[in-house]
Amino acid sequence: MKPYLAALGIGLLVGALYSLLGTRSPAPPAIALLGLLGMLLGEQAVPLVKRMVHGQEVASFWKSNCAERVTGVPPKADKEP
């Protein structure tokens, strides 16, 4: 139930933001795609910032986890012996 309430709350915030910006909802394709890109980058920013705060290495984490999600490259399957 919690993810549904979070999605509803975030949807309300985005709807209010669209209204403040004077953009129709659903947004025109270019605006919607940029919004999705922002959501995707924001989702990846949280684990990166957490790693930075804890003094952990970031570059390999970006390459192994975030870059695949942002670029759409599917993760490499582990080869079975």
PDB file of N, CA and C in Angstrom:
ATOM      1  N   MET A   1       0.828  -1.199   0.000  1.00  0.00           N
ATOM      2  CA  MET A   1       0.000   0.000   0.000  1.00  0.00           C
ATOM      3  C   MET A   1       0.869   1.259   0.000  1.00  0.00           C
ATOM      4  N   LYS A   2       2.019   1.194   0.666  1.00  0.00           N
ATOM      5  CA  LYS A   2       2.882   2.367   0.779  1.00  0.00           C
ATOM      6  C   LYS A   2       3.360   2.884  -0.581  1.00  0.00           C
ATOM      7  N   PRO A   3       3.799   2.009  -1.535  1.00  0.00           N
ATOM      8  CA  PRO A   3       4.219   2.533  -2.839  1.00  0.00           C
ATOM      9  C   PRO A   3       3.075   3.236  -3.580  1.00  0.00           C
ATOM     10  N   TYR A   4       1.851   2.757  -3.405  1.00  0.00           N
ATOM     11  CA  TYR A   4       0.714   3.383  -4.074  1.00  0.00           C
ATOM     12  C   TYR A   4       0.466   4.780  -3.521  1.00  0.00           C
ATOM     13  N   LEU A   5       0.568   4.928  -2.210  1.00  0.00           N
ATOM     14  CA  LEU A   5       0.373   6.246  -1.602  1.00  0.00           C
ATOM     15  C   LEU A   5       1.500   7.193  -1.995  1.00  0.00           C
ATOM     16  N   ALA A   6       2.731   6.681  -2.065  1.00  0.00           N
ATOM     17  CA  ALA A   6       3.852   7.513  -2.488  1.00  0.00           C
ATOM     18  C   ALA A   6       3.664   7.967  -3.932  1.00  0.00           C
ATOM     19  N   ALA A   7       3.232   7.050  -4.806  1.00  0.00           N
ATOM     20  CA  ALA A   7       3.002   7.399  -6.206  1.00  0.00           C
ATOM     21  C   ALA A   7       1.895   8.445  -6.325  1.00  0.00           C
ATOM     22  N   LEU A   8       0.841   8.297  -5.554  1.00  0.00           N
ATOM     23  CA  LEU A   8      -0.243   9.271  -5.571  1.00  0.00           C
ATOM     24  C   LEU A   8       0.255  10.640  -5.108  1.00  0.00           C
ATOM     25  N   GLY A   9       1.017  10.658  -4.019  1.00  0.00           N
ATOM     26  CA  GLY A   9       1.542  11.918  -3.499  1.00  0.00           C
ATOM     27  C   GLY A   9       2.473  12.611  -4.484  1.00  0.00           C
ATOM     28  N   ILE A  10       3.349  11.848  -5.100  1.00  0.00           N
ATOM     29  CA  ILE A  10       4.272  12.425  -6.076  1.00  0.00           C
ATOM     30  C   ILE A  10       3.499  12.909  -7.299  1.00  0.00           C
ATOM     31  N   GLY A  11       2.483  12.141  -7.700  1.00  0.00           N
ATOM     32  CA  GLY A  11       1.649  12.569  -8.814  1.00  0.00           C
ATOM     33  C   GLY A  11       0.944  13.885  -8.527  1.00  0.00           C
ATOM     34  N   LEU A  12       0.474  14.049  -7.302  1.00  0.00           N
ATOM     35  CA  LEU A  12      -0.159  15.311  -6.916  1.00  0.00           C
ATOM     36  C   LEU A  12       0.833  16.462  -6.981  1.00  0.00           C
ATOM     37  N   LEU A  13       2.057  16.228  -6.522  1.00  0.00           N
ATOM     38  CA  LEU A  13       3.079  17.273  -6.579  1.00  0.00           C
ATOM     39  C   LEU A  13       3.412  17.653  -8.018  1.00  0.00           C
ATOM     40  N   VAL A  14       3.553  16.665  -8.882  1.00  0.00           N
ATOM     41  CA  VAL A  14       3.863  16.937 -10.286  1.00  0.00           C
ATOM     42  C   VAL A  14       2.701  17.668 -10.945  1.00  0.00           C
ATOM     43  N   GLY A  15       1.481  17.258 -10.648  1.00  0.00           N
ATOM     44  CA  GLY A  15       0.315  17.941 -11.191  1.00  0.00           C
ATOM     45  C   GLY A  15       0.268  19.400 -10.766  1.00  0.00           C
ATOM     46  N   ALA A  16       0.579  19.665  -9.504  1.00  0.00           N
ATOM     47  CA  ALA A  16       0.609  21.042  -9.016  1.00  0.00           C
ATOM     48  C   ALA A  16       1.719  21.832  -9.712  1.00  0.00           C
ATOM     49  N   LEU A  17       2.872  21.189  -9.922  1.00  0.00           N
ATOM     50  CA  LEU A  17       3.976  21.852 -10.615  1.00  0.00           C
ATOM     51  C   LEU A  17       3.591  22.175 -12.055  1.00  0.00           C
ATOM     52  N   TYR A  18       2.944  21.235 -12.740  1.00  0.00           N
ATOM     53  CA  TYR A  18       2.461  21.488 -14.106  1.00  0.00           C
ATOM     54  C   TYR A  18       1.534  22.693 -14.119  1.00  0.00           C
ATOM     55  N   SER A  19       0.640  22.764 -13.148  1.00  0.00           N
ATOM     56  CA  SER A  19      -0.302  23.876 -13.078  1.00  0.00           C
ATOM     57  C   SER A  19       0.425  25.197 -12.871  1.00  0.00           C
ATOM     58  N   LEU A  20       1.414  25.204 -11.980  1.00  0.00           N
ATOM     59  CA  LEU A  20       2.181  26.430 -11.732  1.00  0.00           C
ATOM     60  C   LEU A  20       2.965  26.871 -12.967  1.00  0.00           C
ATOM     61  N   LEU A  21       3.437  25.905 -13.754  1.00  0.00           N
ATOM     62  CA  LEU A  21       4.208  26.221 -14.962  1.00  0.00           C
ATOM     63  C   LEU A  21       3.311  26.499 -16.168  1.00  0.00           C
ATOM     64  N   GLY A  22       2.028  26.275 -16.022  1.00  0.00           N
ATOM     65  CA  GLY A  22       1.095  26.508 -17.118  1.00  0.00           C
ATOM     66  C   GLY A  22       1.179  25.462 -18.215  1.00  0.00           C
ATOM     67  N   THR A  23       1.578  24.242 -17.863  1.00  0.00           N
ATOM     68  CA  THR A  23       1.701  23.146 -18.821  1.00  0.00           C
ATOM     69  C   THR A  23       0.498  22.233 -18.685  1.00  0.00           C
ATOM     70  N   ARG A  24      -0.023  21.811 -19.827  1.00  0.00           N
ATOM     71  CA  ARG A  24      -1.152  20.884 -19.801  1.00  0.00           C
ATOM     72  C   ARG A  24      -0.700  19.503 -19.335  1.00  0.00           C
ATOM     73  N   SER A  25      -1.617  18.774 -18.773  1.00  0.00           N
ATOM     74  CA  SER A  25      -1.323  17.401 -18.386  1.00  0.00           C
ATOM     75  C   SER A  25      -2.283  16.487 -19.116  1.00  0.00           C
ATOM     76  N   PRO A  26      -1.863  15.474 -19.804  1.00  0.00           N
ATOM     77  CA  PRO A  26      -0.476  15.043 -19.919  1.00  0.00           C
ATOM     78  C   PRO A  26       0.336  16.042 -20.730  1.00  0.00           C
ATOM     79  N   ALA A  27       1.576  16.127 -20.368  1.00  0.00           N
ATOM     80  CA  ALA A  27       2.477  17.094 -20.972  1.00  0.00           C
ATOM     81  C   ALA A  27       2.755  16.741 -22.423  1.00  0.00           C
ATOM     82  N   PRO A  28       3.104  17.734 -23.225  1.00  0.00           N
ATOM     83  CA  PRO A  28       3.552  17.446 -24.582  1.00  0.00           C
ATOM     84  C   PRO A  28       4.752  16.494 -24.543  1.00  0.00           C
ATOM     85  N   PRO A  29       4.956  15.706 -25.591  1.00  0.00           N
ATOM     86  CA  PRO A  29       5.992  14.657 -25.565  1.00  0.00           C
ATOM     87  C   PRO A  29       7.382  15.124 -25.141  1.00  0.00           C
ATOM     88  N   ALA A  30       7.842  16.263 -25.638  1.00  0.00           N
ATOM     89  CA  ALA A  30       9.198  16.716 -25.283  1.00  0.00           C
ATOM     90  C   ALA A  30       9.304  17.011 -23.789  1.00  0.00           C
ATOM     91  N   ILE A  31       8.295  17.677 -23.251  1.00  0.00           N
ATOM     92  CA  ILE A  31       8.312  17.996 -21.826  1.00  0.00           C
ATOM     93  C   ILE A  31       8.207  16.721 -21.000  1.00  0.00           C
ATOM     94  N   ALA A  32       7.349  15.799 -21.427  1.00  0.00           N
ATOM     95  CA  ALA A  32       7.187  14.542 -20.691  1.00  0.00           C
ATOM     96  C   ALA A  32       8.479  13.730 -20.700  1.00  0.00           C
ATOM     97  N   LEU A  33       9.153  13.666 -21.837  1.00  0.00           N
ATOM     98  CA  LEU A  33      10.409  12.905 -21.916  1.00  0.00           C
ATOM     99  C   LEU A  33      11.498  13.535 -21.060  1.00  0.00           C
ATOM    100  N   LEU A  34      11.579  14.860 -21.057  1.00  0.00           N
ATOM    101  CA  LEU A  34      12.562  15.513 -20.186  1.00  0.00           C
ATOM    102  C   LEU A  34      12.236  15.270 -18.717  1.00  0.00           C
ATOM    103  N   GLY A  35      10.950  15.261 -18.399  1.00  0.00           N
ATOM    104  CA  GLY A  35      10.550  14.951 -17.024  1.00  0.00           C
ATOM    105  C   GLY A  35      10.934  13.539 -16.630  1.00  0.00           C
ATOM    106  N   LEU A  36      10.741  12.584 -17.542  1.00  0.00           N
ATOM    107  CA  LEU A  36      11.135  11.203 -17.263  1.00  0.00           C
ATOM    108  C   LEU A  36      12.650  11.087 -17.102  1.00  0.00           C
ATOM    109  N   LEU A  37      13.399  11.804 -17.936  1.00  0.00           N
ATOM    110  CA  LEU A  37      14.857  11.791 -17.801  1.00  0.00           C
ATOM    111  C   LEU A  37      15.271  12.351 -16.440  1.00  0.00           C
ATOM    112  N   GLY A  38      14.626  13.425 -16.034  1.00  0.00           N
ATOM    113  CA  GLY A  38      14.922  14.004 -14.720  1.00  0.00           C
ATOM    114  C   GLY A  38      14.612  13.035 -13.593  1.00  0.00           C
ATOM    115  N   MET A  39      13.505  12.308 -13.724  1.00  0.00           N
ATOM    116  CA  MET A  39      13.161  11.317 -12.705  1.00  0.00           C
ATOM    117  C   MET A  39      14.204  10.213 -12.661  1.00  0.00           C
ATOM    118  N   LEU A  40      14.636   9.761 -13.818  1.00  0.00           N
ATOM    119  CA  LEU A  40      15.626   8.696 -13.888  1.00  0.00           C
ATOM    120  C   LEU A  40      16.956   9.138 -13.285  1.00  0.00           C
ATOM    121  N   LEU A  41      17.402  10.343 -13.634  1.00  0.00           N
ATOM    122  CA  LEU A  41      18.661  10.846 -13.075  1.00  0.00           C
ATOM    123  C   LEU A  41      18.541  11.094 -11.574  1.00  0.00           C
ATOM    124  N   GLY A  42      17.400  11.605 -11.141  1.00  0.00           N
ATOM    125  CA  GLY A  42      17.193  11.829  -9.712  1.00  0.00           C
ATOM    126  C   GLY A  42      17.201  10.534  -8.925  1.00  0.00           C
ATOM    127  N   GLU A  43      16.634   9.484  -9.515  1.00  0.00           N
ATOM    128  CA  GLU A  43      16.624   8.172  -8.859  1.00  0.00           C
ATOM    129  C   GLU A  43      18.048   7.641  -8.689  1.00  0.00           C
ATOM    130  N   GLN A  44      18.905   7.913  -9.654  1.00  0.00           N
ATOM    131  CA  GLN A  44      20.285   7.439  -9.574  1.00  0.00           C
ATOM    132  C   GLN A  44      21.140   8.331  -8.680  1.00  0.00           C
ATOM    133  N   ALA A  45      20.730   9.586  -8.500  1.00  0.00           N
ATOM    134  CA  ALA A  45      21.509  10.528  -7.698  1.00  0.00           C
ATOM    135  C   ALA A  45      21.515  10.153  -6.222  1.00  0.00           C
ATOM    136  N   VAL A  46      20.406   9.617  -5.737  1.00  0.00           N
ATOM    137  CA  VAL A  46      20.309   9.306  -4.304  1.00  0.00           C
ATOM    138  C   VAL A  46      21.362   8.287  -3.869  1.00  0.00           C
ATOM    139  N   PRO A  47      21.502   7.126  -4.541  1.00  0.00           N
ATOM    140  CA  PRO A  47      22.545   6.189  -4.107  1.00  0.00           C
ATOM    141  C   PRO A  47      23.955   6.752  -4.286  1.00  0.00           C
ATOM    142  N   LEU A  48      24.159   7.573  -5.320  1.00  0.00           N
ATOM    143  CA  LEU A  48      25.486   8.167  -5.510  1.00  0.00           C
ATOM    144  C   LEU A  48      25.834   9.115  -4.373  1.00  0.00           C
ATOM    145  N   VAL A  49      24.887   9.952  -3.983  1.00  0.00           N
ATOM    146  CA  VAL A  49      25.132  10.900  -2.884  1.00  0.00           C
ATOM    147  C   VAL A  49      25.356  10.145  -1.576  1.00  0.00           C
ATOM    148  N   LYS A  50      24.587   9.075  -1.347  1.00  0.00           N
ATOM    149  CA  LYS A  50      24.788   8.278  -0.135  1.00  0.00           C
ATOM    150  C   LYS A  50      26.203   7.715  -0.093  1.00  0.00           C
ATOM    151  N   ARG A  51      26.700   7.228  -1.230  1.00  0.00           N
ATOM    152  CA  ARG A  51      28.057   6.681  -1.279  1.00  0.00           C
ATOM    153  C   ARG A  51      29.077   7.774  -1.009  1.00  0.00           C
ATOM    154  N   MET A  52      28.850   8.951  -1.587  1.00  0.00           N
ATOM    155  CA  MET A  52      29.781  10.058  -1.386  1.00  0.00           C
ATOM    156  C   MET A  52      29.825  10.480   0.084  1.00  0.00           C
ATOM    157  N   VAL A  53      28.662  10.539   0.718  1.00  0.00           N
ATOM    158  CA  VAL A  53      28.584  10.940   2.125  1.00  0.00           C
ATOM    159  C   VAL A  53      29.343   9.958   3.016  1.00  0.00           C
ATOM    160  N   HIS A  54      29.273   8.675   2.674  1.00  0.00           N
ATOM    161  CA  HIS A  54      29.950   7.649   3.465  1.00  0.00           C
ATOM    162  C   HIS A  54      31.401   7.438   3.037  1.00  0.00           C
ATOM    163  N   GLY A  55      31.878   8.256   2.110  1.00  0.00           N
ATOM    164  CA  GLY A  55      33.268   8.171   1.683  1.00  0.00           C
ATOM    165  C   GLY A  55      33.585   6.964   0.821  1.00  0.00           C
ATOM    166  N   GLN A  56      32.564   6.382   0.199  1.00  0.00           N
ATOM    167  CA  GLN A  56      32.791   5.225  -0.653  1.00  0.00           C
ATOM    168  C   GLN A  56      33.086   5.676  -2.077  1.00  0.00           C
ATOM    169  N   GLU A  57      33.694   4.776  -2.837  1.00  0.00           N
ATOM    170  CA  GLU A  57      34.073   5.052  -4.217  1.00  0.00           C
ATOM    171  C   GLU A  57      32.811   5.135  -5.085  1.00  0.00           C
ATOM    172  N   VAL A  58      32.780   6.120  -5.992  1.00  0.00           N
ATOM    173  CA  VAL A  58      31.575   6.390  -6.765  1.00  0.00           C
ATOM    174  C   VAL A  58      31.698   5.959  -8.227  1.00  0.00           C
ATOM    175  N   ALA A  59      32.859   6.112  -8.838  1.00  0.00           N
ATOM    176  CA  ALA A  59      33.004   5.891 -10.284  1.00  0.00           C
ATOM    177  C   ALA A  59      32.607   4.483 -10.712  1.00  0.00           C
ATOM    178  N   SER A  60      33.097   3.477 -10.013  1.00  0.00           N
ATOM    179  CA  SER A  60      32.759   2.104 -10.411  1.00  0.00           C
ATOM    180  C   SER A  60      31.287   1.801 -10.148  1.00  0.00           C
ATOM    181  N   PHE A  61      30.722   2.394  -9.086  1.00  0.00           N
ATOM    182  CA  PHE A  61      29.301   2.208  -8.814  1.00  0.00           C
ATOM    183  C   PHE A  61      28.476   2.806  -9.948  1.00  0.00           C
ATOM    184  N   TRP A  62      28.874   3.987 -10.428  1.00  0.00           N
ATOM    185  CA  TRP A  62      28.163   4.616 -11.542  1.00  0.00           C
ATOM    186  C   TRP A  62      28.225   3.723 -12.774  1.00  0.00           C
ATOM    187  N   LYS A  63      29.425   3.228 -13.082  1.00  0.00           N
ATOM    188  CA  LYS A  63      29.594   2.401 -14.281  1.00  0.00           C
ATOM    189  C   LYS A  63      28.836   1.089 -14.170  1.00  0.00           C
ATOM    190  N   SER A  64      28.844   0.472 -13.004  1.00  0.00           N
ATOM    191  CA  SER A  64      28.240  -0.858 -12.872  1.00  0.00           C
ATOM    192  C   SER A  64      26.735  -0.820 -12.639  1.00  0.00           C
ATOM    193  N   ASN A  65      26.207   0.235 -12.043  1.00  0.00           N
ATOM    194  CA  ASN A  65      24.777   0.258 -11.708  1.00  0.00           C
ATOM    195  C   ASN A  65      24.001   1.360 -12.425  1.00  0.00           C
ATOM    196  N   CYS A  66      24.444   2.576 -12.282  1.00  0.00           N
ATOM    197  CA  CYS A  66      23.655   3.712 -12.760  1.00  0.00           C
ATOM    198  C   CYS A  66      23.699   3.872 -14.274  1.00  0.00           C
ATOM    199  N   ALA A  67      24.864   3.744 -14.870  1.00  0.00           N
ATOM    200  CA  ALA A  67      25.000   3.990 -16.308  1.00  0.00           C
ATOM    201  C   ALA A  67      24.107   3.070 -17.119  1.00  0.00           C
ATOM    202  N   GLU A  68      23.995   1.821 -16.711  1.00  0.00           N
ATOM    203  CA  GLU A  68      23.142   0.881 -17.442  1.00  0.00           C
ATOM    204  C   GLU A  68      21.680   1.306 -17.389  1.00  0.00           C
ATOM    205  N   ARG A  69      21.246   1.796 -16.261  1.00  0.00           N
ATOM    206  CA  ARG A  69      19.851   2.214 -16.134  1.00  0.00           C
ATOM    207  C   ARG A  69      19.582   3.500 -16.902  1.00  0.00           C
ATOM    208  N   VAL A  70      20.533   4.432 -16.860  1.00  0.00           N
ATOM    209  CA  VAL A  70      20.336   5.715 -17.523  1.00  0.00           C
ATOM    210  C   VAL A  70      20.402   5.571 -19.037  1.00  0.00           C
ATOM    211  N   THR A  71      21.339   4.772 -19.536  1.00  0.00           N
ATOM    212  CA  THR A  71      21.507   4.630 -20.985  1.00  0.00           C
ATOM    213  C   THR A  71      20.593   3.580 -21.586  1.00  0.00           C
ATOM    214  N   GLY A  72      20.016   2.729 -20.769  1.00  0.00           N
ATOM    215  CA  GLY A  72      19.131   1.698 -21.276  1.00  0.00           C
ATOM    216  C   GLY A  72      19.848   0.444 -21.722  1.00  0.00           C
ATOM    217  N   VAL A  73      21.142   0.361 -21.464  1.00  0.00           N
ATOM    218  CA  VAL A  73      21.906  -0.834 -21.817  1.00  0.00           C
ATOM    219  C   VAL A  73      21.533  -1.933 -20.833  1.00  0.00           C
ATOM    220  N   PRO A  74      21.082  -3.070 -21.313  1.00  0.00           N
ATOM    221  CA  PRO A  74      20.725  -4.137 -20.380  1.00  0.00           C
ATOM    222  C   PRO A  74      21.961  -4.666 -19.657  1.00  0.00           C
ATOM    223  N   PRO A  75      21.807  -5.049 -18.400  1.00  0.00           N
ATOM    224  CA  PRO A  75      22.939  -5.595 -17.657  1.00  0.00           C
ATOM    225  C   PRO A  75      23.432  -6.883 -18.301  1.00  0.00           C
ATOM    226  N   LYS A  76      24.728  -7.100 -18.195  1.00  0.00           N
ATOM    227  CA  LYS A  76      25.315  -8.316 -18.764  1.00  0.00           C
ATOM    228  C   LYS A  76      24.950  -9.516 -17.906  1.00  0.00           C
ATOM    229  N   ALA A  77      24.528 -10.576 -18.548  1.00  0.00           N
ATOM    230  CA  ALA A  77      24.166 -11.801 -17.828  1.00  0.00           C
ATOM    231  C   ALA A  77      25.434 -12.521 -17.390  1.00  0.00           C
ATOM    232  N   ASP A  78      25.385 -13.050 -16.197  1.00  0.00           N
ATOM    233  CA  ASP A  78      26.511 -13.844 -15.711  1.00  0.00           C
ATOM    234  C   ASP A  78      26.546 -15.154 -16.482  1.00  0.00           C
ATOM    235  N   LYS A  79      27.731 -15.539 -16.902  1.00  0.00           N
ATOM    236  CA  LYS A  79      27.876 -16.792 -17.621  1.00  0.00           C
ATOM    237  C   LYS A  79      27.949 -17.929 -16.617  1.00  0.00           C
ATOM    238  N   GLU A  80      27.182 -18.987 -16.905  1.00  0.00           N
ATOM    239  CA  GLU A  80      27.216 -20.153 -16.035  1.00  0.00           C
ATOM    240  C   GLU A  80      28.299 -21.098 -16.513  1.00  0.00           C
ATOM    241  N   PRO A  81      29.017 -21.745 -15.584  1.00  0.00           N
ATOM    242  CA  PRO A  81      30.098 -22.651 -15.997  1.00  0.00           C
ATOM    243  C   PRO A  81      29.581 -23.890 -16.701  1.00  0.00           C
TER     244      PRO A  81
END
